[in-house]
Amino acid sequence: MKKFIIPILLMLLMISACATATPQATPTAVPATSTSVPPTQTALPTDTSVPTAEATQSNEVVTSNISFTNQVLPIFQTYCVECHGGIRTREGLNLASYDGLMFGSFNGVVLIPNNANESLLVQLIQQGEMPNRGPSPSSAELQAIIDWINQGAINN
């Protein structure tokens, strides 16, 4: 009975987090001297990532798509796959493939496409709880994971 309590609590927490998601800020007005967006095409912010020290200082918005295969998977292979892929898959989480990542762990999903802030994977890396051994991803590598998730976590 005890082994079912934690997954159930995690599911309830994830459901309540989805129901209380905060709305995105509305875009700011464009000064009259600049070229404005036509009324039929409203510009919406696309970067809802958790700010890192680098991102906050540079105020850059990511405009290019992050590739899972070329950018995100190599980060997982460097920092995560020793425990979460290949021979071992701790907690049932296999980060050696896109399908394994999207399947999640024994406790449920670890990634919510378009919402890095609510993705357990990002939270654990940011809190320093993962990786459990060895060095952590750099802030640029973490930002690539965040941007990829916020861009829909596409298998590209």
N, C-alpha and C. Protein backbone atom coordinates (compact mmCIF):
# COMPACT_ATOMS: atom_id res chain seq x y z
N MET A 1 0.82 -1.19 0.00
CA MET A 1 0.00 0.00 0.00
C MET A 1 0.87 1.26 0.00
N LYS A 2 1.97 1.22 0.78
CA LYS A 2 2.84 2.39 0.87
C LYS A 2 3.46 2.75 -0.47
N LYS A 3 3.77 1.75 -1.29
CA LYS A 3 4.43 2.03 -2.56
C LYS A 3 3.51 2.79 -3.52
N PHE A 4 2.23 2.83 -3.28
CA PHE A 4 1.30 3.54 -4.14
C PHE A 4 1.05 4.97 -3.67
N ILE A 5 1.37 5.29 -2.44
CA ILE A 5 1.07 6.61 -1.89
C ILE A 5 1.88 7.69 -2.57
N ILE A 6 3.19 7.50 -2.72
CA ILE A 6 4.04 8.53 -3.32
C ILE A 6 3.63 8.81 -4.76
N PRO A 7 3.46 7.79 -5.63
CA PRO A 7 3.02 8.11 -7.00
C PRO A 7 1.68 8.83 -7.04
N ILE A 8 0.76 8.46 -6.17
CA ILE A 8 -0.55 9.11 -6.15
C ILE A 8 -0.40 10.56 -5.72
N LEU A 9 0.41 10.81 -4.70
CA LEU A 9 0.63 12.19 -4.26
C LEU A 9 1.31 13.02 -5.34
N LEU A 10 2.26 12.42 -6.05
CA LEU A 10 2.92 13.14 -7.14
C LEU A 10 1.93 13.49 -8.24
N MET A 11 1.05 12.56 -8.57
CA MET A 11 0.05 12.81 -9.60
C MET A 11 -0.89 13.94 -9.18
N LEU A 12 -1.34 13.92 -7.92
CA LEU A 12 -2.21 14.97 -7.41
C LEU A 12 -1.51 16.32 -7.43
N LEU A 13 -0.23 16.33 -7.07
CA LEU A 13 0.54 17.56 -7.08
C LEU A 13 0.66 18.10 -8.50
N MET A 14 0.92 17.21 -9.47
CA MET A 14 1.04 17.65 -10.85
C MET A 14 -0.29 18.16 -11.39
N ILE A 15 -1.38 17.52 -11.03
CA ILE A 15 -2.71 17.95 -11.48
C ILE A 15 -3.03 19.32 -10.89
N SER A 16 -2.76 19.50 -9.61
CA SER A 16 -3.06 20.79 -8.98
C SER A 16 -2.16 21.88 -9.53
N ALA A 17 -0.93 21.54 -9.89
CA ALA A 17 -0.02 22.54 -10.46
C ALA A 17 -0.52 22.97 -11.83
N CYS A 18 -1.06 22.04 -12.61
CA CYS A 18 -1.58 22.39 -13.93
C CYS A 18 -2.81 23.28 -13.80
N ALA A 19 -3.62 23.04 -12.80
CA ALA A 19 -4.85 23.81 -12.63
C ALA A 19 -4.57 25.23 -12.13
N THR A 20 -3.44 25.42 -11.49
CA THR A 20 -3.14 26.75 -10.94
C THR A 20 -2.01 27.43 -11.68
N ALA A 21 -1.79 27.06 -12.94
CA ALA A 21 -0.71 27.68 -13.71
C ALA A 21 -0.97 29.17 -13.86
N THR A 22 0.08 29.95 -13.77
CA THR A 22 -0.05 31.40 -13.88
C THR A 22 -0.09 31.80 -15.35
N PRO A 23 -0.90 32.80 -15.69
CA PRO A 23 -0.97 33.23 -17.08
C PRO A 23 0.30 33.96 -17.48
N GLN A 24 0.58 33.93 -18.77
CA GLN A 24 1.75 34.64 -19.28
C GLN A 24 1.47 36.13 -19.30
N ALA A 25 2.54 36.90 -19.18
CA ALA A 25 2.42 38.34 -19.24
C ALA A 25 2.06 38.75 -20.66
N THR A 26 1.30 39.83 -20.78
CA THR A 26 0.94 40.31 -22.11
C THR A 26 2.11 41.10 -22.69
N PRO A 27 2.25 41.11 -24.02
CA PRO A 27 3.36 41.82 -24.63
C PRO A 27 3.24 43.32 -24.37
N THR A 28 4.37 43.98 -24.30
CA THR A 28 4.38 45.42 -24.09
C THR A 28 4.11 46.13 -25.40
N ALA A 29 3.64 47.34 -25.31
CA ALA A 29 3.33 48.13 -26.50
C ALA A 29 4.61 48.50 -27.23
N VAL A 30 4.53 48.57 -28.55
CA VAL A 30 5.66 48.94 -29.38
C VAL A 30 5.63 50.45 -29.57
N PRO A 31 6.76 51.16 -29.39
CA PRO A 31 6.77 52.61 -29.58
C PRO A 31 6.33 52.97 -31.00
N ALA A 32 5.72 54.14 -31.16
CA ALA A 32 5.18 54.57 -32.44
C ALA A 32 6.26 54.74 -33.49
N THR A 33 7.50 54.97 -33.11
CA THR A 33 8.56 55.20 -34.08
C THR A 33 9.10 53.92 -34.70
N SER A 34 8.75 52.76 -34.13
CA SER A 34 9.26 51.51 -34.69
C SER A 34 8.18 50.85 -35.54
N THR A 35 8.59 49.84 -36.30
CA THR A 35 7.65 49.08 -37.11
C THR A 35 6.85 48.19 -36.19
N SER A 36 5.53 48.26 -36.29
CA SER A 36 4.69 47.45 -35.40
C SER A 36 4.23 46.19 -36.11
N VAL A 37 3.73 45.27 -35.34
CA VAL A 37 3.21 44.01 -35.86
C VAL A 37 1.81 44.27 -36.42
N PRO A 38 1.52 43.77 -37.62
CA PRO A 38 0.18 43.97 -38.18
C PRO A 38 -0.88 43.42 -37.23
N PRO A 39 -2.08 44.03 -37.21
CA PRO A 39 -3.12 43.60 -36.28
C PRO A 39 -3.53 42.15 -36.43
N THR A 40 -3.34 41.55 -37.59
CA THR A 40 -3.74 40.16 -37.77
C THR A 40 -2.71 39.19 -37.20
N GLN A 41 -1.52 39.69 -36.86
CA GLN A 41 -0.48 38.84 -36.31
C GLN A 41 -0.03 39.42 -34.98
N THR A 42 -0.55 38.89 -33.90
CA THR A 42 -0.21 39.38 -32.58
C THR A 42 1.04 38.66 -32.10
N ALA A 43 2.03 39.43 -31.68
CA ALA A 43 3.27 38.84 -31.17
C ALA A 43 3.05 38.40 -29.74
N LEU A 44 3.37 37.14 -29.46
CA LEU A 44 3.25 36.60 -28.11
C LEU A 44 4.61 36.16 -27.62
N PRO A 45 4.87 36.31 -26.34
CA PRO A 45 6.16 35.83 -25.84
C PRO A 45 6.20 34.31 -25.91
N THR A 46 7.37 33.76 -26.31
CA THR A 46 7.50 32.32 -26.42
C THR A 46 8.44 31.75 -25.38
N ASP A 47 9.22 32.59 -24.73
CA ASP A 47 10.18 32.10 -23.76
C ASP A 47 9.60 32.20 -22.36
N THR A 48 9.15 31.05 -21.81
CA THR A 48 8.60 31.03 -20.45
C THR A 48 9.53 30.28 -19.52
N SER A 49 10.82 30.29 -19.87
CA SER A 49 11.77 29.51 -19.09
C SER A 49 12.08 30.17 -17.75
N VAL A 50 12.59 29.36 -16.88
CA VAL A 50 13.06 29.85 -15.60
C VAL A 50 14.34 30.61 -15.86
N PRO A 51 14.43 31.87 -15.44
CA PRO A 51 15.63 32.64 -15.77
C PRO A 51 16.85 32.11 -15.03
N THR A 52 17.95 32.05 -15.76
CA THR A 52 19.23 31.70 -15.15
C THR A 52 20.02 33.00 -15.01
N ALA A 53 21.15 32.95 -14.33
CA ALA A 53 21.96 34.14 -14.16
C ALA A 53 22.39 34.69 -15.51
N GLU A 54 22.78 33.80 -16.43
CA GLU A 54 23.21 34.25 -17.75
C GLU A 54 22.06 34.88 -18.53
N ALA A 55 20.91 34.24 -18.52
CA ALA A 55 19.77 34.75 -19.28
C ALA A 55 19.29 36.08 -18.72
N THR A 56 19.30 36.23 -17.41
CA THR A 56 18.84 37.47 -16.79
C THR A 56 19.76 38.62 -17.15
N GLN A 57 21.06 38.37 -17.17
CA GLN A 57 22.01 39.44 -17.47
C GLN A 57 21.97 39.84 -18.93
N SER A 58 21.79 38.88 -19.84
CA SER A 58 21.86 39.22 -21.25
C SER A 58 20.52 39.62 -21.84
N ASN A 59 19.40 39.25 -21.20
CA ASN A 59 18.05 39.56 -21.68
C ASN A 59 17.83 39.11 -23.11
N GLU A 60 18.48 38.03 -23.53
CA GLU A 60 18.28 37.51 -24.88
C GLU A 60 17.11 36.55 -24.89
N VAL A 61 16.36 36.58 -25.97
CA VAL A 61 15.25 35.65 -26.15
C VAL A 61 15.68 34.63 -27.18
N VAL A 62 15.45 33.37 -26.87
CA VAL A 62 15.83 32.30 -27.78
C VAL A 62 14.89 32.32 -28.97
N THR A 63 15.46 32.38 -30.17
CA THR A 63 14.64 32.42 -31.37
C THR A 63 14.81 31.16 -32.21
N SER A 64 15.88 30.41 -31.99
CA SER A 64 16.09 29.21 -32.79
C SER A 64 15.58 27.99 -32.04
N ASN A 65 15.17 26.99 -32.79
CA ASN A 65 14.70 25.76 -32.19
C ASN A 65 15.87 24.95 -31.66
N ILE A 66 15.68 24.37 -30.50
CA ILE A 66 16.68 23.49 -29.91
C ILE A 66 16.40 22.08 -30.40
N SER A 67 17.43 21.38 -30.82
CA SER A 67 17.29 20.01 -31.33
C SER A 67 17.49 19.02 -30.20
N PHE A 68 16.54 18.10 -30.04
CA PHE A 68 16.70 17.05 -29.04
C PHE A 68 17.92 16.20 -29.37
N THR A 69 18.01 15.74 -30.61
CA THR A 69 19.07 14.82 -31.00
C THR A 69 20.45 15.48 -30.93
N ASN A 70 20.57 16.71 -31.39
CA ASN A 70 21.87 17.35 -31.49
C ASN A 70 22.29 18.14 -30.26
N GLN A 71 21.34 18.60 -29.44
CA GLN A 71 21.70 19.45 -28.31
C GLN A 71 21.30 18.88 -26.95
N VAL A 72 20.09 18.35 -26.82
CA VAL A 72 19.60 17.89 -25.52
C VAL A 72 20.11 16.49 -25.19
N LEU A 73 19.98 15.55 -26.11
CA LEU A 73 20.41 14.18 -25.86
C LEU A 73 21.89 14.10 -25.46
N PRO A 74 22.80 14.84 -26.11
CA PRO A 74 24.20 14.79 -25.67
C PRO A 74 24.39 15.25 -24.21
N ILE A 75 23.57 16.17 -23.74
CA ILE A 75 23.64 16.61 -22.34
C ILE A 75 23.22 15.45 -21.44
N PHE A 76 22.13 14.78 -21.77
CA PHE A 76 21.68 13.62 -21.00
C PHE A 76 22.74 12.52 -21.02
N GLN A 77 23.37 12.30 -22.17
CA GLN A 77 24.39 11.26 -22.28
C GLN A 77 25.59 11.59 -21.39
N THR A 78 25.93 12.85 -21.28
CA THR A 78 27.08 13.27 -20.48
C THR A 78 26.80 13.18 -18.98
N TYR A 79 25.62 13.60 -18.54
CA TYR A 79 25.36 13.76 -17.12
C TYR A 79 24.37 12.76 -16.51
N CYS A 80 23.55 12.11 -17.32
CA CYS A 80 22.41 11.37 -16.77
C CYS A 80 22.37 9.88 -17.08
N VAL A 81 22.84 9.50 -18.25
CA VAL A 81 22.62 8.14 -18.75
C VAL A 81 23.33 7.07 -17.92
N GLU A 82 24.37 7.44 -17.21
CA GLU A 82 25.06 6.44 -16.38
C GLU A 82 24.08 5.81 -15.38
N CYS A 83 23.17 6.62 -14.84
CA CYS A 83 22.19 6.10 -13.87
C CYS A 83 20.80 5.94 -14.48
N HIS A 84 20.50 6.70 -15.52
CA HIS A 84 19.15 6.69 -16.10
C HIS A 84 19.19 6.34 -17.58
N GLY A 85 19.73 5.16 -17.87
CA GLY A 85 19.77 4.71 -19.25
C GLY A 85 20.81 3.62 -19.42
N GLY A 86 20.82 2.99 -20.56
CA GLY A 86 21.79 1.93 -20.77
C GLY A 86 21.50 0.74 -19.88
N ILE A 87 22.49 0.33 -19.10
CA ILE A 87 22.36 -0.84 -18.24
C ILE A 87 21.43 -0.55 -17.06
N ARG A 88 21.57 0.63 -16.46
CA ARG A 88 20.76 0.99 -15.28
C ARG A 88 19.70 2.01 -15.66
N THR A 89 18.54 1.87 -15.09
CA THR A 89 17.49 2.88 -15.25
C THR A 89 16.88 3.12 -13.89
N ARG A 90 17.58 3.88 -13.06
CA ARG A 90 17.09 4.16 -11.71
C ARG A 90 15.72 4.82 -11.78
N GLU A 91 14.85 4.42 -10.88
CA GLU A 91 13.48 4.90 -10.80
C GLU A 91 12.69 4.63 -12.08
N GLY A 92 13.22 3.76 -12.95
CA GLY A 92 12.54 3.44 -14.20
C GLY A 92 12.66 4.53 -15.26
N LEU A 93 13.52 5.52 -15.02
CA LEU A 93 13.68 6.64 -15.95
C LEU A 93 14.84 6.36 -16.89
N ASN A 94 14.56 6.33 -18.19
CA ASN A 94 15.57 6.07 -19.20
C ASN A 94 15.75 7.32 -20.06
N LEU A 95 16.86 8.03 -19.84
CA LEU A 95 17.14 9.26 -20.57
C LEU A 95 18.03 9.01 -21.78
N ALA A 96 18.20 7.76 -22.17
CA ALA A 96 19.02 7.43 -23.32
C ALA A 96 18.28 7.60 -24.64
N SER A 97 16.96 7.84 -24.56
CA SER A 97 16.18 8.02 -25.78
C SER A 97 15.02 8.97 -25.52
N TYR A 98 14.51 9.53 -26.59
CA TYR A 98 13.36 10.43 -26.50
C TYR A 98 12.16 9.69 -25.91
N ASP A 99 11.89 8.48 -26.41
CA ASP A 99 10.74 7.72 -25.93
C ASP A 99 10.86 7.41 -24.44
N GLY A 100 12.06 7.06 -23.99
CA GLY A 100 12.26 6.79 -22.56
C GLY A 100 12.01 8.02 -21.71
N LEU A 101 12.49 9.17 -22.17
CA LEU A 101 12.27 10.43 -21.46
C LEU A 101 10.79 10.76 -21.37
N MET A 102 10.09 10.65 -22.47
CA MET A 102 8.68 11.02 -22.50
C MET A 102 7.82 10.01 -21.73
N PHE A 103 8.27 8.76 -21.61
CA PHE A 103 7.54 7.76 -20.83
C PHE A 103 7.57 8.14 -19.35
N GLY A 104 8.71 8.69 -18.89
CA GLY A 104 8.82 9.10 -17.50
C GLY A 104 9.44 8.02 -16.64
N SER A 105 9.11 8.07 -15.36
CA SER A 105 9.70 7.14 -14.40
C SER A 105 8.59 6.29 -13.76
N PHE A 106 8.99 5.48 -12.78
CA PHE A 106 8.00 4.70 -12.04
C PHE A 106 6.99 5.62 -11.36
N ASN A 107 7.39 6.84 -11.08
CA ASN A 107 6.54 7.80 -10.37
C ASN A 107 5.73 8.70 -11.29
N GLY A 108 5.85 8.53 -12.60
CA GLY A 108 5.06 9.34 -13.53
C GLY A 108 5.93 10.16 -14.46
N VAL A 109 5.31 11.14 -15.09
CA VAL A 109 6.01 11.98 -16.06
C VAL A 109 7.04 12.86 -15.35
N VAL A 110 8.12 13.17 -16.06
CA VAL A 110 9.15 14.04 -15.50
C VAL A 110 9.29 15.31 -16.33
N LEU A 111 8.56 15.38 -17.43
CA LEU A 111 8.68 16.50 -18.34
C LEU A 111 7.29 16.88 -18.85
N ILE A 112 7.00 18.17 -18.81
CA ILE A 112 5.73 18.67 -19.32
C ILE A 112 6.05 19.58 -20.51
N PRO A 113 5.78 19.12 -21.74
CA PRO A 113 6.07 19.95 -22.91
C PRO A 113 5.46 21.35 -22.78
N ASN A 114 6.21 22.34 -23.21
CA ASN A 114 5.82 23.75 -23.17
C ASN A 114 5.81 24.33 -21.75
N ASN A 115 6.29 23.60 -20.77
CA ASN A 115 6.25 24.10 -19.39
C ASN A 115 7.45 23.58 -18.59
N ALA A 116 8.60 24.18 -18.82
CA ALA A 116 9.81 23.76 -18.10
C ALA A 116 9.70 24.04 -16.61
N ASN A 117 8.99 25.10 -16.25
CA ASN A 117 8.87 25.46 -14.83
C ASN A 117 8.21 24.36 -14.01
N GLU A 118 7.29 23.62 -14.59
CA GLU A 118 6.57 22.57 -13.88
C GLU A 118 7.14 21.18 -14.15
N SER A 119 8.22 21.09 -14.93
CA SER A 119 8.82 19.80 -15.25
C SER A 119 9.76 19.36 -14.14
N LEU A 120 9.48 18.20 -13.56
CA LEU A 120 10.27 17.67 -12.46
C LEU A 120 11.74 17.54 -12.85
N LEU A 121 12.01 17.15 -14.07
CA LEU A 121 13.39 17.01 -14.55
C LEU A 121 14.17 18.30 -14.35
N VAL A 122 13.61 19.43 -14.76
CA VAL A 122 14.26 20.73 -14.63
C VAL A 122 14.38 21.11 -13.16
N GLN A 123 13.33 20.90 -12.41
CA GLN A 123 13.35 21.27 -10.99
C GLN A 123 14.46 20.55 -10.24
N LEU A 124 14.64 19.25 -10.50
CA LEU A 124 15.67 18.48 -9.80
C LEU A 124 17.07 18.93 -10.19
N ILE A 125 17.27 19.29 -11.45
CA ILE A 125 18.58 19.79 -11.88
C ILE A 125 18.84 21.16 -11.25
N GLN A 126 17.85 22.04 -11.27
CA GLN A 126 18.02 23.38 -10.69
C GLN A 126 18.29 23.32 -9.19
N GLN A 127 17.66 22.40 -8.50
CA GLN A 127 17.83 22.29 -7.05
C GLN A 127 19.13 21.58 -6.68
N GLY A 128 19.87 21.09 -7.67
CA GLY A 128 21.12 20.41 -7.41
C GLY A 128 20.95 18.97 -6.95
N GLU A 129 19.73 18.45 -7.03
CA GLU A 129 19.49 17.06 -6.62
C GLU A 129 19.90 16.07 -7.70
N MET A 130 19.95 16.52 -8.93
CA MET A 130 20.39 15.68 -10.04
C MET A 130 21.41 16.48 -10.85
N PRO A 131 22.41 15.86 -11.37
CA PRO A 131 22.72 14.45 -11.20
C PRO A 131 23.19 14.17 -9.78
N ASN A 132 22.95 12.95 -9.36
CA ASN A 132 23.27 12.53 -8.00
C ASN A 132 24.78 12.38 -7.80
N ARG A 133 25.48 12.04 -8.89
CA ARG A 133 26.94 11.87 -8.85
C ARG A 133 27.56 12.67 -9.97
N GLY A 134 28.77 13.12 -9.76
CA GLY A 134 29.51 13.80 -10.82
C GLY A 134 29.09 15.24 -10.98
N PRO A 135 29.65 15.88 -12.00
CA PRO A 135 29.37 17.30 -12.23
C PRO A 135 27.95 17.53 -12.74
N SER A 136 27.47 18.74 -12.52
CA SER A 136 26.15 19.14 -13.00
C SER A 136 26.27 19.82 -14.36
N PRO A 137 25.19 19.83 -15.13
CA PRO A 137 25.20 20.57 -16.39
C PRO A 137 25.47 22.05 -16.13
N SER A 138 26.13 22.69 -17.07
CA SER A 138 26.38 24.13 -16.96
C SER A 138 25.06 24.88 -17.09
N SER A 139 25.06 26.15 -16.77
CA SER A 139 23.83 26.94 -16.89
C SER A 139 23.40 27.02 -18.36
N ALA A 140 24.34 27.05 -19.29
CA ALA A 140 23.99 27.07 -20.72
C ALA A 140 23.35 25.75 -21.14
N GLU A 141 23.85 24.63 -20.61
CA GLU A 141 23.26 23.32 -20.94
C GLU A 141 21.87 23.20 -20.33
N LEU A 142 21.72 23.66 -19.10
CA LEU A 142 20.39 23.64 -18.47
C LEU A 142 19.44 24.52 -19.25
N GLN A 143 19.89 25.68 -19.70
CA GLN A 143 19.04 26.59 -20.47
C GLN A 143 18.62 25.94 -21.78
N ALA A 144 19.50 25.16 -22.40
CA ALA A 144 19.13 24.46 -23.65
C ALA A 144 18.00 23.46 -23.38
N ILE A 145 18.08 22.74 -22.25
CA ILE A 145 17.01 21.80 -21.89
C ILE A 145 15.70 22.56 -21.65
N ILE A 146 15.78 23.67 -20.91
CA ILE A 146 14.60 24.49 -20.61
C ILE A 146 13.98 25.02 -21.91
N ASP A 147 14.82 25.55 -22.79
CA ASP A 147 14.31 26.11 -24.05
C ASP A 147 13.66 25.01 -24.89
N TRP A 148 14.28 23.84 -24.94
CA TRP A 148 13.71 22.73 -25.72
C TRP A 148 12.35 22.33 -25.18
N ILE A 149 12.23 22.23 -23.86
CA ILE A 149 10.93 21.88 -23.25
C ILE A 149 9.91 22.95 -23.58
N ASN A 150 10.28 24.23 -23.41
CA ASN A 150 9.34 25.32 -23.66
C ASN A 150 8.97 25.45 -25.13
N GLN A 151 9.77 24.89 -26.01
CA GLN A 151 9.46 24.89 -27.44
C GLN A 151 8.62 23.68 -27.82
N GLY A 152 8.18 22.92 -26.83
CA GLY A 152 7.27 21.81 -27.09
C GLY A 152 7.86 20.44 -26.88
N ALA A 153 9.16 20.35 -26.53
CA ALA A 153 9.82 19.06 -26.30
C ALA A 153 9.62 18.11 -27.48
N ILE A 154 9.94 18.61 -28.65
CA ILE A 154 9.72 17.86 -29.89
C ILE A 154 10.89 16.91 -30.14
N ASN A 155 10.60 15.75 -30.70
CA ASN A 155 11.64 14.78 -31.06
C ASN A 155 12.25 15.20 -32.38
N ASN A 156 13.18 16.13 -32.33
CA ASN A 156 13.81 16.64 -33.55
C ASN A 156 15.31 16.49 -33.51
